[in-house]
Amino acid sequence: MSDKRWLMLVVVLSLLVMSFAGVRAQDEAAIAAQPCDEPGALTMWVWDENWALVIGSAIEAWKADYCPGAEVELQVQPWGQYWDLLKTNVAGGDLPDVFNMSQDRFFFYAGNDALLDLQPYYDEAGVDTSLWGSGMIDPYRWGEDGDLYAGPVNWDTIAVFYNKDLFDAAGLEYPTADWTWDEFADYAAKLTDPEADVYGAAVYSEYQTGYPNWIAATGTTPIVDAGRTQCTLTEPGSIEALTYLKDLYDQGYMPSISILGGASADDSFNFWLAGKVAMVAGGSWKLPAALEQATFNWDVVKLPMNPETGRSRSIVHSVGYVASAWTEAPELAANLILYLVSDEGQKFFADAGGVAPANPAMQERWVESFGETGVNIQTFVDALQDSQGVTVFDEIWDKINTELVVNIFDLGMSVEEATQQACEFIDTQLPQ
C-alpha cells in the first residue's frame, strides 16, 4: 500500500473514531436512570393537575422500563390545601412517600427532620449534583455536610419583558444582555410619557420577580442569609438596590402600587400587557401569557448588570421532589426521584412546554418546544448561569412581598426605615 493511500486510510479511520465518540458522548445521559432493586408501593402528592398528567406519564415509563411491578398512587392536592395537609401530617409523622416541595417551604420540613437525605442515593448512582447549578439546589441542602434533600423538577428565572413598539416610538435601540443599571435608568426615563400615561418600568413587585433580583446583583443574599440566621435587608447591598429602585419611582419613571392596582407581580405584568409600562420584570412562567395576550411587538432581555459588580442575578426558584423521612421504602422512593430528574424522566416536562425542566440536558428541548416565536426565550436559560436561589420562607412572605413594597413604593417611607421595620419582624421568625 502506498504511503498516500495509507495516510488516507488513517484519516478516514480517525474520522470514524471521532464520529462514533461524538455519538457516544451525545448518548451519555447527564443523569442516567437506574433500575430499582425491588418493586413496591408508593404514594405521591403533587399540587398541580397539569403536572400530575406529566408526572403520571413519567411514572408509567419508570414502571415499564426500570421497575416492573411497582405501584404509585399519585394524588393531586390543590394548592390551597396542599401545605396545610402536609404540615398536619408532619405533626403525625405520616407523609406521602414522595411529594413536591417548594424552595420557600423546605426550611420547615428539613428543620423538623421530615425529609429523606437523598445525597447517599445520588452518590451511589454517580450523579454530579453540581450540574444543576447552585441557585437550583443550594436551598435544598441541609445539615453540616450540605447534603441534598431534593431532586429539582423544574425552574423559573426572571428577565425583563419589554415593549418593542414603545422603544421604536421613542427612537431607542433595543437593550442587550450586557446592559447596566445606568442604561436601564436611562431607558426608563426616555420611555416614560406622562401625556400618554405610560411609565418606563415596573420592576420592584414581589420577592422572586422584583427588588430581590437587584439586591442579589450587588452580591448580597436577598432578605435573609443562606443559613437563614439573619435579615440582610439593612446591609449595604440591599440599601443600594432599593435606593436605586426608589429613585426611579421618585422621579416618576415607575408607577406606585396604587396605580398598578396591587403589590403582586401579576399586577405589574398586566399593566405591561395593557401597554401602560415599557419594561416589566417577569418570570419564565409568564411566557405563555405574553405569547397569547400581548397585542404589541415584544421581547425579553436579561436583567441589567450592577455597574460595580458586573453581575446580573436572577432569583431562580426550583420545585423539587422530596421523600418522607418516615417512608417504609426509602430505596424505592429515591429510585423514583432519580428517574424523574433523569434525562429520560425530564423529557416529559421538556416536551410539555410551560415550566422548564431542571435537567440541563433538556433545557434546549424546552426552548424549542415553544416553536418559532421570534422571542429570545434562551434568555431565561442564560439567567441560570449566575442565579440566586430562594432563601426566604413562608412565615415572612407577606411582610416582604406586600408590606415592604407598599411602604417604599406607595406610602413614601424611606428605604432605611422600611427595611429596619421589616428586619425587626423577620428576626423574630429566624432560628435563635
Protein backbone atom coordinates (compact mmCIF):
# COMPACT_ATOMS: atom_id res chain seq x y z
CA MET A 1 0.00 0.00 0.00
CA SER A 2 1.38 3.40 -0.92
CA ASP A 3 2.12 5.99 1.75
CA LYS A 4 -0.56 8.25 0.30
CA ARG A 5 -3.24 5.55 0.43
CA TRP A 6 -2.11 4.57 3.94
CA LEU A 7 -2.40 8.18 5.08
CA MET A 8 -5.90 8.46 3.59
CA LEU A 9 -6.95 5.27 5.39
CA VAL A 10 -5.62 6.59 8.71
CA VAL A 11 -7.53 9.85 8.21
CA VAL A 12 -10.77 8.02 7.38
CA LEU A 13 -10.41 5.70 10.39
CA SER A 14 -9.67 8.68 12.64
CA LEU A 15 -12.77 10.47 11.43
CA LEU A 16 -14.86 7.36 12.04
CA VAL A 17 -13.49 7.03 15.57
CA MET A 18 -14.22 10.70 16.24
CA SER A 19 -17.71 10.30 14.81
CA PHE A 20 -18.51 7.29 16.97
CA ALA A 21 -17.04 9.06 20.01
CA GLY A 22 -19.29 12.03 19.31
CA VAL A 23 -22.34 9.81 19.06
CA ARG A 24 -21.37 8.06 22.28
CA ALA A 25 -20.85 11.42 24.03
CA GLN A 26 -24.23 12.62 22.84
CA ASP A 27 -25.86 9.42 24.08
CA GLU A 28 -24.35 9.77 27.56
CA ALA A 29 -27.00 10.98 29.92
CA ALA A 30 -26.42 13.95 32.18
CA ILE A 31 -28.39 11.98 34.78
CA ALA A 32 -28.94 8.32 34.00
CA ALA A 33 -31.99 6.43 35.24
CA GLN A 34 -31.32 3.26 37.24
CA PRO A 35 -33.34 0.05 37.67
CA CYS A 36 -34.93 -0.32 41.10
CA ASP A 37 -33.67 -3.04 43.41
CA GLU A 38 -37.13 -4.25 44.33
CA PRO A 39 -40.61 -3.03 43.31
CA GLY A 40 -43.14 -1.95 45.86
CA ALA A 41 -45.91 0.55 46.50
CA LEU A 42 -45.51 4.32 46.93
CA THR A 43 -47.79 7.27 47.49
CA MET A 44 -47.03 10.61 45.84
CA TRP A 45 -48.57 14.08 46.15
CA VAL A 46 -48.46 16.99 43.73
CA TRP A 47 -50.39 20.27 43.79
CA ASP A 48 -50.87 20.88 40.06
CA GLU A 49 -53.25 18.89 37.84
CA ASN A 50 -51.20 19.60 34.70
CA TRP A 51 -48.04 18.43 36.43
CA ALA A 52 -49.88 15.32 37.57
CA LEU A 53 -50.53 14.40 33.93
CA VAL A 54 -46.87 14.91 33.01
CA ILE A 55 -45.51 13.18 36.10
CA GLY A 56 -48.04 10.37 35.70
CA SER A 57 -46.74 9.64 32.20
CA ALA A 58 -43.16 9.65 33.50
CA ILE A 59 -44.11 7.25 36.32
CA GLU A 60 -45.67 4.83 33.83
CA ALA A 61 -42.42 4.84 31.83
CA TRP A 62 -40.40 4.27 35.03
CA LYS A 63 -42.58 1.30 35.95
CA ALA A 64 -42.35 -0.20 32.47
CA ASP A 65 -38.62 0.29 31.89
CA TYR A 66 -36.98 0.37 35.31
CA CYS A 67 -39.28 -1.01 38.00
CA PRO A 68 -41.84 -3.53 36.70
CA GLY A 69 -44.35 -4.42 39.37
CA ALA A 70 -44.07 -1.09 41.22
CA GLU A 71 -47.23 0.84 42.06
CA VAL A 72 -47.55 4.57 42.64
CA GLU A 73 -50.71 6.18 43.95
CA LEU A 74 -50.45 9.72 42.54
CA GLN A 75 -52.75 12.25 44.21
CA VAL A 76 -53.42 15.91 43.40
CA GLN A 77 -53.92 18.06 46.48
CA PRO A 78 -54.98 21.57 45.41
CA TRP A 79 -52.52 24.34 46.25
CA GLY A 80 -54.89 25.89 48.77
CA GLN A 81 -54.92 22.69 50.83
CA TYR A 82 -51.55 21.15 49.94
CA TRP A 83 -49.34 22.83 52.53
CA ASP A 84 -51.89 22.68 55.35
CA LEU A 85 -52.28 18.94 54.81
CA LEU A 86 -48.53 18.38 54.71
CA LYS A 87 -47.92 20.37 57.90
CA THR A 88 -50.66 18.43 59.66
CA ASN A 89 -49.11 15.18 58.51
CA VAL A 90 -45.65 16.23 59.70
CA ALA A 91 -47.03 16.53 63.21
CA GLY A 92 -48.34 12.98 62.95
CA GLY A 93 -45.27 11.57 61.20
CA ASP A 94 -47.37 10.39 58.27
CA LEU A 95 -46.29 11.99 54.99
CA PRO A 96 -46.68 10.64 51.44
CA ASP A 97 -43.61 8.69 50.35
CA VAL A 98 -42.75 11.24 47.64
CA PHE A 99 -44.10 14.76 47.21
CA ASN A 100 -43.39 18.08 45.56
CA MET A 101 -41.53 20.71 47.54
CA SER A 102 -41.03 24.44 47.04
CA GLN A 103 -37.75 26.14 47.98
CA ASP A 104 -39.50 28.67 50.19
CA ARG A 105 -41.22 25.86 52.17
CA PHE A 106 -38.24 23.50 52.53
CA PHE A 107 -36.94 25.12 55.72
CA PHE A 108 -39.88 23.92 57.82
CA TYR A 109 -39.68 20.27 56.72
CA ALA A 110 -35.92 19.98 56.95
CA GLY A 111 -35.96 21.66 60.34
CA ASN A 112 -38.48 19.08 61.56
CA ASP A 113 -36.39 16.13 60.28
CA ALA A 114 -39.27 15.15 57.99
CA LEU A 115 -37.27 14.55 54.79
CA LEU A 116 -35.13 11.71 53.48
CA ASP A 117 -31.48 12.59 52.78
CA LEU A 118 -31.08 11.83 49.07
CA GLN A 119 -27.33 12.52 48.91
CA PRO A 120 -26.27 8.87 49.51
CA TYR A 121 -28.52 7.73 46.68
CA TYR A 122 -27.14 10.39 44.30
CA ASP A 123 -23.61 9.36 45.26
CA GLU A 124 -24.35 5.67 44.68
CA ALA A 125 -25.82 6.47 41.24
CA GLY A 126 -22.81 8.64 40.34
CA VAL A 127 -24.85 11.83 39.94
CA ASP A 128 -22.79 15.02 39.96
CA THR A 129 -25.26 17.27 41.76
CA SER A 130 -23.30 20.40 40.78
CA LEU A 131 -24.65 20.07 37.23
CA TRP A 132 -27.93 21.63 38.42
CA GLY A 133 -26.21 24.85 39.44
CA SER A 134 -26.10 26.34 42.92
CA GLY A 135 -29.21 28.50 42.56
CA MET A 136 -31.41 25.49 41.94
CA ILE A 137 -30.12 23.18 44.66
CA ASP A 138 -28.46 25.18 47.44
CA PRO A 139 -31.84 25.99 49.05
CA TYR A 140 -32.44 22.21 49.23
CA ARG A 141 -29.19 21.43 51.06
CA TRP A 142 -29.26 20.70 54.77
CA GLY A 143 -27.02 19.61 57.61
CA GLU A 144 -23.35 20.09 58.41
CA ASP A 145 -22.26 18.40 55.18
CA GLY A 146 -24.72 20.25 52.96
CA ASP A 147 -26.40 17.08 51.74
CA LEU A 148 -29.03 17.43 49.01
CA TYR A 149 -32.55 16.50 50.13
CA ALA A 150 -34.43 17.12 46.87
CA GLY A 151 -34.38 16.37 43.17
CA PRO A 152 -35.08 19.50 41.11
CA VAL A 153 -38.19 19.19 38.95
CA ASN A 154 -38.24 22.48 37.12
CA TRP A 155 -37.14 26.08 37.45
CA ASP A 156 -38.13 29.59 36.60
CA THR A 157 -35.93 32.64 36.24
CA ILE A 158 -36.57 36.34 35.79
CA ALA A 159 -35.95 38.61 32.81
CA VAL A 160 -37.15 41.98 31.56
CA PHE A 161 -40.12 41.84 29.18
CA TYR A 162 -40.05 44.95 27.00
CA ASN A 163 -42.48 46.56 24.57
CA LYS A 164 -40.60 46.93 21.29
CA ASP A 165 -43.26 49.24 19.86
CA LEU A 166 -42.68 51.75 22.66
CA PHE A 167 -38.93 51.53 22.11
CA ASP A 168 -39.46 52.18 18.40
CA ALA A 169 -41.74 55.14 19.09
CA ALA A 170 -39.07 56.65 21.36
CA GLY A 171 -36.35 56.01 18.78
CA LEU A 172 -34.39 53.75 21.12
CA GLU A 173 -32.20 50.75 20.35
CA TYR A 174 -33.36 47.55 21.99
CA PRO A 175 -31.48 46.57 25.18
CA THR A 176 -28.81 43.87 25.04
CA ALA A 177 -27.65 41.28 27.56
CA ASP A 178 -24.69 43.41 28.62
CA TRP A 179 -26.68 46.49 29.63
CA THR A 180 -26.19 48.09 33.05
CA TRP A 181 -28.28 49.70 35.78
CA ASP A 182 -27.30 53.10 34.43
CA GLU A 183 -28.59 52.20 30.97
CA PHE A 184 -31.77 50.77 32.44
CA ALA A 185 -32.41 54.05 34.29
CA ASP A 186 -31.79 55.99 31.07
CA TYR A 187 -34.24 53.79 29.18
CA ALA A 188 -36.83 54.16 31.97
CA ALA A 189 -36.56 57.95 31.78
CA LYS A 190 -36.83 58.13 28.00
CA LEU A 191 -39.71 55.66 27.81
CA THR A 192 -41.81 57.47 30.42
CA ASP A 193 -44.53 59.53 28.73
CA PRO A 194 -46.81 61.29 31.24
CA GLU A 195 -49.09 62.64 28.50
CA ALA A 196 -49.78 59.11 27.26
CA ASP A 197 -49.91 57.79 30.84
CA VAL A 198 -47.06 55.38 30.09
CA TYR A 199 -44.28 54.52 32.54
CA GLY A 200 -40.78 53.39 31.70
CA ALA A 201 -40.57 50.43 34.06
CA ALA A 202 -42.22 48.34 36.79
CA VAL A 203 -39.66 46.00 38.32
CA TYR A 204 -39.94 46.04 42.11
CA SER A 205 -43.01 43.90 42.94
CA GLU A 206 -42.76 40.66 44.91
CA TYR A 207 -39.89 38.51 46.08
CA GLN A 208 -38.91 36.46 43.06
CA THR A 209 -39.83 38.88 40.29
CA GLY A 210 -38.96 42.16 41.93
CA TYR A 211 -36.47 44.00 44.10
CA PRO A 212 -34.53 40.93 45.44
CA ASN A 213 -33.01 40.38 41.95
CA TRP A 214 -31.43 43.82 42.22
CA ILE A 215 -30.16 43.09 45.71
CA ALA A 216 -28.63 39.81 44.51
CA ALA A 217 -26.75 41.68 41.77
CA THR A 218 -24.83 43.59 44.46
CA GLY A 219 -23.52 40.29 45.87
CA THR A 220 -25.83 40.39 48.89
CA THR A 221 -28.13 37.45 49.57
CA PRO A 222 -31.63 38.94 49.49
CA ILE A 223 -33.82 39.18 52.61
CA VAL A 224 -32.05 36.57 54.77
CA ASP A 225 -28.64 34.96 54.55
CA ALA A 226 -28.14 31.48 53.12
CA GLY A 227 -28.20 29.91 56.58
CA ARG A 228 -31.43 31.72 57.44
CA THR A 229 -29.84 33.18 60.56
CA GLN A 230 -30.13 36.94 59.97
CA CYS A 231 -32.04 39.53 57.98
CA THR A 232 -29.96 41.14 55.22
CA LEU A 233 -32.30 43.96 54.20
CA THR A 234 -30.33 46.55 56.16
CA GLU A 235 -26.97 45.55 54.65
CA PRO A 236 -25.29 47.99 52.22
CA GLY A 237 -26.10 45.95 49.10
CA SER A 238 -29.79 45.84 49.95
CA ILE A 239 -29.90 49.56 50.69
CA GLU A 240 -28.08 50.28 47.42
CA ALA A 241 -30.52 48.26 45.31
CA LEU A 242 -33.68 49.52 46.99
CA THR A 243 -32.46 53.12 46.87
CA TYR A 244 -31.74 52.75 43.14
CA LEU A 245 -35.29 51.49 42.54
CA LYS A 246 -36.86 54.10 44.80
CA ASP A 247 -35.03 56.87 42.90
CA LEU A 248 -36.65 55.64 39.67
CA TYR A 249 -40.01 55.63 41.44
CA ASP A 250 -39.49 59.09 42.96
CA GLN A 251 -38.65 60.50 39.52
CA GLY A 252 -41.94 59.20 38.14
CA TYR A 253 -40.44 56.51 35.93
CA MET A 254 -42.18 53.68 37.80
CA PRO A 255 -45.85 53.59 38.92
CA SER A 256 -46.94 53.23 42.54
CA ILE A 257 -48.64 50.18 43.98
CA SER A 258 -51.93 52.11 43.93
CA ILE A 259 -51.60 52.84 40.21
CA LEU A 260 -50.65 49.23 39.46
CA GLY A 261 -53.70 48.08 41.37
CA GLY A 262 -51.84 45.80 43.74
CA ALA A 263 -48.47 44.64 45.05
CA SER A 264 -48.31 41.36 43.14
CA ALA A 265 -46.10 40.64 40.15
CA ASP A 266 -49.29 39.79 38.23
CA ASP A 267 -50.49 43.37 38.71
CA SER A 268 -47.27 44.71 37.20
CA PHE A 269 -47.36 42.22 34.33
CA ASN A 270 -50.97 43.02 33.48
CA PHE A 271 -50.04 46.70 33.45
CA TRP A 272 -47.39 45.82 30.85
CA LEU A 273 -49.88 43.77 28.81
CA ALA A 274 -52.14 46.83 28.78
CA GLY A 275 -49.35 48.85 27.16
CA LYS A 276 -49.02 51.14 30.19
CA VAL A 277 -45.40 50.34 31.01
CA ALA A 278 -42.48 49.72 28.64
CA MET A 279 -40.38 47.32 30.75
CA VAL A 280 -41.52 44.87 33.39
CA ALA A 281 -39.72 42.17 35.33
CA GLY A 282 -41.37 38.84 34.68
CA GLY A 283 -40.78 35.14 35.21
CA SER A 284 -40.38 32.47 32.56
CA TRP A 285 -43.81 31.21 33.61
CA LYS A 286 -45.26 34.35 32.01
CA LEU A 287 -44.13 33.37 28.51
CA PRO A 288 -47.40 31.61 27.54
CA ALA A 289 -49.49 34.59 28.69
CA ALA A 290 -47.29 37.06 26.83
CA LEU A 291 -47.35 34.98 23.65
CA GLU A 292 -51.13 34.66 23.78
CA GLN A 293 -52.19 38.09 25.07
CA ALA A 294 -49.67 40.77 24.09
CA THR A 295 -51.07 42.92 21.27
CA PHE A 296 -47.74 44.62 20.55
CA ASN A 297 -44.25 43.54 19.48
CA TRP A 298 -42.13 42.46 22.43
CA ASP A 299 -39.08 40.55 23.53
CA VAL A 300 -37.15 39.63 26.66
CA VAL A 301 -33.65 40.51 27.85
CA LYS A 302 -31.56 39.65 30.91
CA LEU A 303 -31.81 41.85 33.96
CA PRO A 304 -29.25 44.67 33.75
CA MET A 305 -25.86 44.36 35.42
CA ASN A 306 -24.86 46.17 38.58
CA PRO A 307 -22.17 48.66 37.45
CA GLU A 308 -19.86 47.82 40.37
CA THR A 309 -20.11 44.03 40.50
CA GLY A 310 -20.80 43.50 36.79
CA ARG A 311 -23.40 40.91 37.75
CA SER A 312 -26.94 40.31 36.55
CA ARG A 313 -28.53 37.89 39.02
CA SER A 314 -31.95 36.34 38.66
CA ILE A 315 -33.80 34.79 41.55
CA VAL A 316 -34.29 31.20 40.45
CA HIS A 317 -36.99 29.10 42.02
CA SER A 318 -36.96 25.36 41.59
CA VAL A 319 -39.70 22.98 42.64
CA GLY A 320 -38.25 19.72 43.90
CA TYR A 321 -39.17 16.12 44.52
CA VAL A 322 -38.59 15.04 48.12
CA ALA A 323 -39.21 11.85 50.07
CA SER A 324 -40.54 11.38 53.56
CA ALA A 325 -38.04 10.53 56.28
CA TRP A 326 -40.64 8.03 57.50
CA THR A 327 -41.20 6.18 54.22
CA GLU A 328 -41.07 2.41 54.53
CA ALA A 329 -39.47 2.16 51.09
CA PRO A 330 -36.62 4.73 51.02
CA GLU A 331 -34.65 2.98 48.27
CA LEU A 332 -37.71 2.78 46.02
CA ALA A 333 -38.69 6.40 46.71
CA ALA A 334 -35.16 7.57 45.94
CA ASN A 335 -35.10 5.49 42.75
CA LEU A 336 -38.34 7.06 41.54
CA ILE A 337 -37.00 10.55 42.23
CA LEU A 338 -33.78 9.67 40.39
CA TYR A 339 -35.83 8.65 37.37
CA LEU A 340 -38.00 11.77 37.47
CA VAL A 341 -34.92 14.03 37.42
CA SER A 342 -33.03 11.92 34.86
CA ASP A 343 -32.76 12.75 31.17
CA GLU A 344 -35.48 10.23 30.42
CA GLY A 345 -37.86 11.45 33.11
CA GLN A 346 -37.31 15.10 32.33
CA LYS A 347 -38.18 14.65 28.65
CA PHE A 348 -41.82 14.56 29.69
CA PHE A 349 -41.58 18.06 31.16
CA ALA A 350 -39.44 19.35 28.28
CA ASP A 351 -41.94 18.23 25.66
CA ALA A 352 -44.93 19.53 27.61
CA GLY A 353 -43.70 23.14 27.37
CA GLY A 354 -44.67 25.61 30.07
CA VAL A 355 -42.35 25.12 33.03
CA ALA A 356 -38.69 24.47 32.25
CA PRO A 357 -37.08 21.13 33.13
CA ALA A 358 -34.28 21.30 35.69
CA ASN A 359 -32.07 18.78 33.90
CA PRO A 360 -29.55 20.82 31.81
CA ALA A 361 -29.66 18.27 29.00
CA MET A 362 -33.35 19.03 28.45
CA GLN A 363 -33.30 22.84 28.50
CA GLU A 364 -32.67 23.36 24.80
CA ARG A 365 -35.52 20.96 24.14
CA TRP A 366 -37.74 23.15 26.36
CA VAL A 367 -36.80 26.29 24.40
CA GLU A 368 -37.59 24.52 21.13
CA SER A 369 -40.98 23.39 22.47
CA PHE A 370 -42.28 26.97 22.03
CA GLY A 371 -41.67 26.83 18.26
CA GLU A 372 -40.83 29.88 16.16
CA THR A 373 -41.88 32.81 18.33
CA GLY A 374 -39.30 35.45 17.47
CA VAL A 375 -38.75 35.84 21.22
CA ASN A 376 -35.34 35.22 22.78
CA ILE A 377 -36.56 32.50 25.16
CA GLN A 378 -32.96 31.35 25.65
CA THR A 379 -32.62 34.44 27.88
CA PHE A 380 -34.28 32.57 30.73
CA VAL A 381 -31.85 29.66 30.41
CA ASP A 382 -28.89 32.05 30.30
CA ALA A 383 -30.14 33.64 33.53
CA LEU A 384 -29.36 30.37 35.34
CA GLN A 385 -25.61 30.92 34.96
CA ASP A 386 -25.26 33.26 37.93
CA SER A 387 -28.55 32.91 39.75
CA GLN A 388 -29.68 33.29 43.35
CA GLY A 389 -31.66 30.50 44.95
CA VAL A 390 -34.60 31.20 47.25
CA THR A 391 -33.69 31.58 50.93
CA VAL A 392 -36.90 33.03 52.36
CA PHE A 393 -39.73 31.01 53.86
CA ASP A 394 -43.47 31.38 54.00
CA GLU A 395 -43.70 32.79 57.56
CA ILE A 396 -42.22 36.10 56.33
CA TRP A 397 -43.86 36.10 52.89
CA ASP A 398 -46.48 38.80 53.43
CA LYS A 399 -44.01 41.07 55.18
CA ILE A 400 -41.53 41.11 52.28
CA ASN A 401 -43.95 40.70 49.36
CA THR A 402 -46.56 43.25 50.31
CA GLU A 403 -45.75 45.40 53.32
CA LEU A 404 -42.18 46.33 52.34
CA VAL A 405 -43.03 47.30 48.75
CA VAL A 406 -46.15 49.20 49.80
CA ASN A 407 -44.16 51.13 52.40
CA ILE A 408 -41.47 52.15 49.89
CA PHE A 409 -43.32 52.34 46.58
CA ASP A 410 -46.70 53.65 47.71
CA LEU A 411 -46.52 55.26 51.14
CA GLY A 412 -43.23 57.07 50.60
CA MET A 413 -41.40 55.52 53.56
CA SER A 414 -37.62 55.78 53.38
CA VAL A 415 -35.66 52.69 52.40
CA GLU A 416 -33.83 52.77 55.72
CA GLU A 417 -36.99 52.90 57.81
CA ALA A 418 -38.86 50.30 55.74
CA THR A 419 -36.00 47.79 55.81
CA GLN A 420 -35.39 48.30 59.53
CA GLN A 421 -39.07 47.68 60.22
CA ALA A 422 -39.07 44.55 58.08
CA CYS A 423 -35.93 43.16 59.72
CA GLU A 424 -37.36 43.65 63.19
CA PHE A 425 -40.16 41.25 62.28
CA ILE A 426 -38.02 38.83 60.26
CA ASP A 427 -35.59 38.43 63.15
CA THR A 428 -38.45 37.11 65.31
CA GLN A 429 -39.03 34.32 62.77
CA LEU A 430 -35.43 33.13 62.43
CA PRO A 431 -33.89 30.28 64.44
CA GLN A 432 -32.30 31.58 67.60
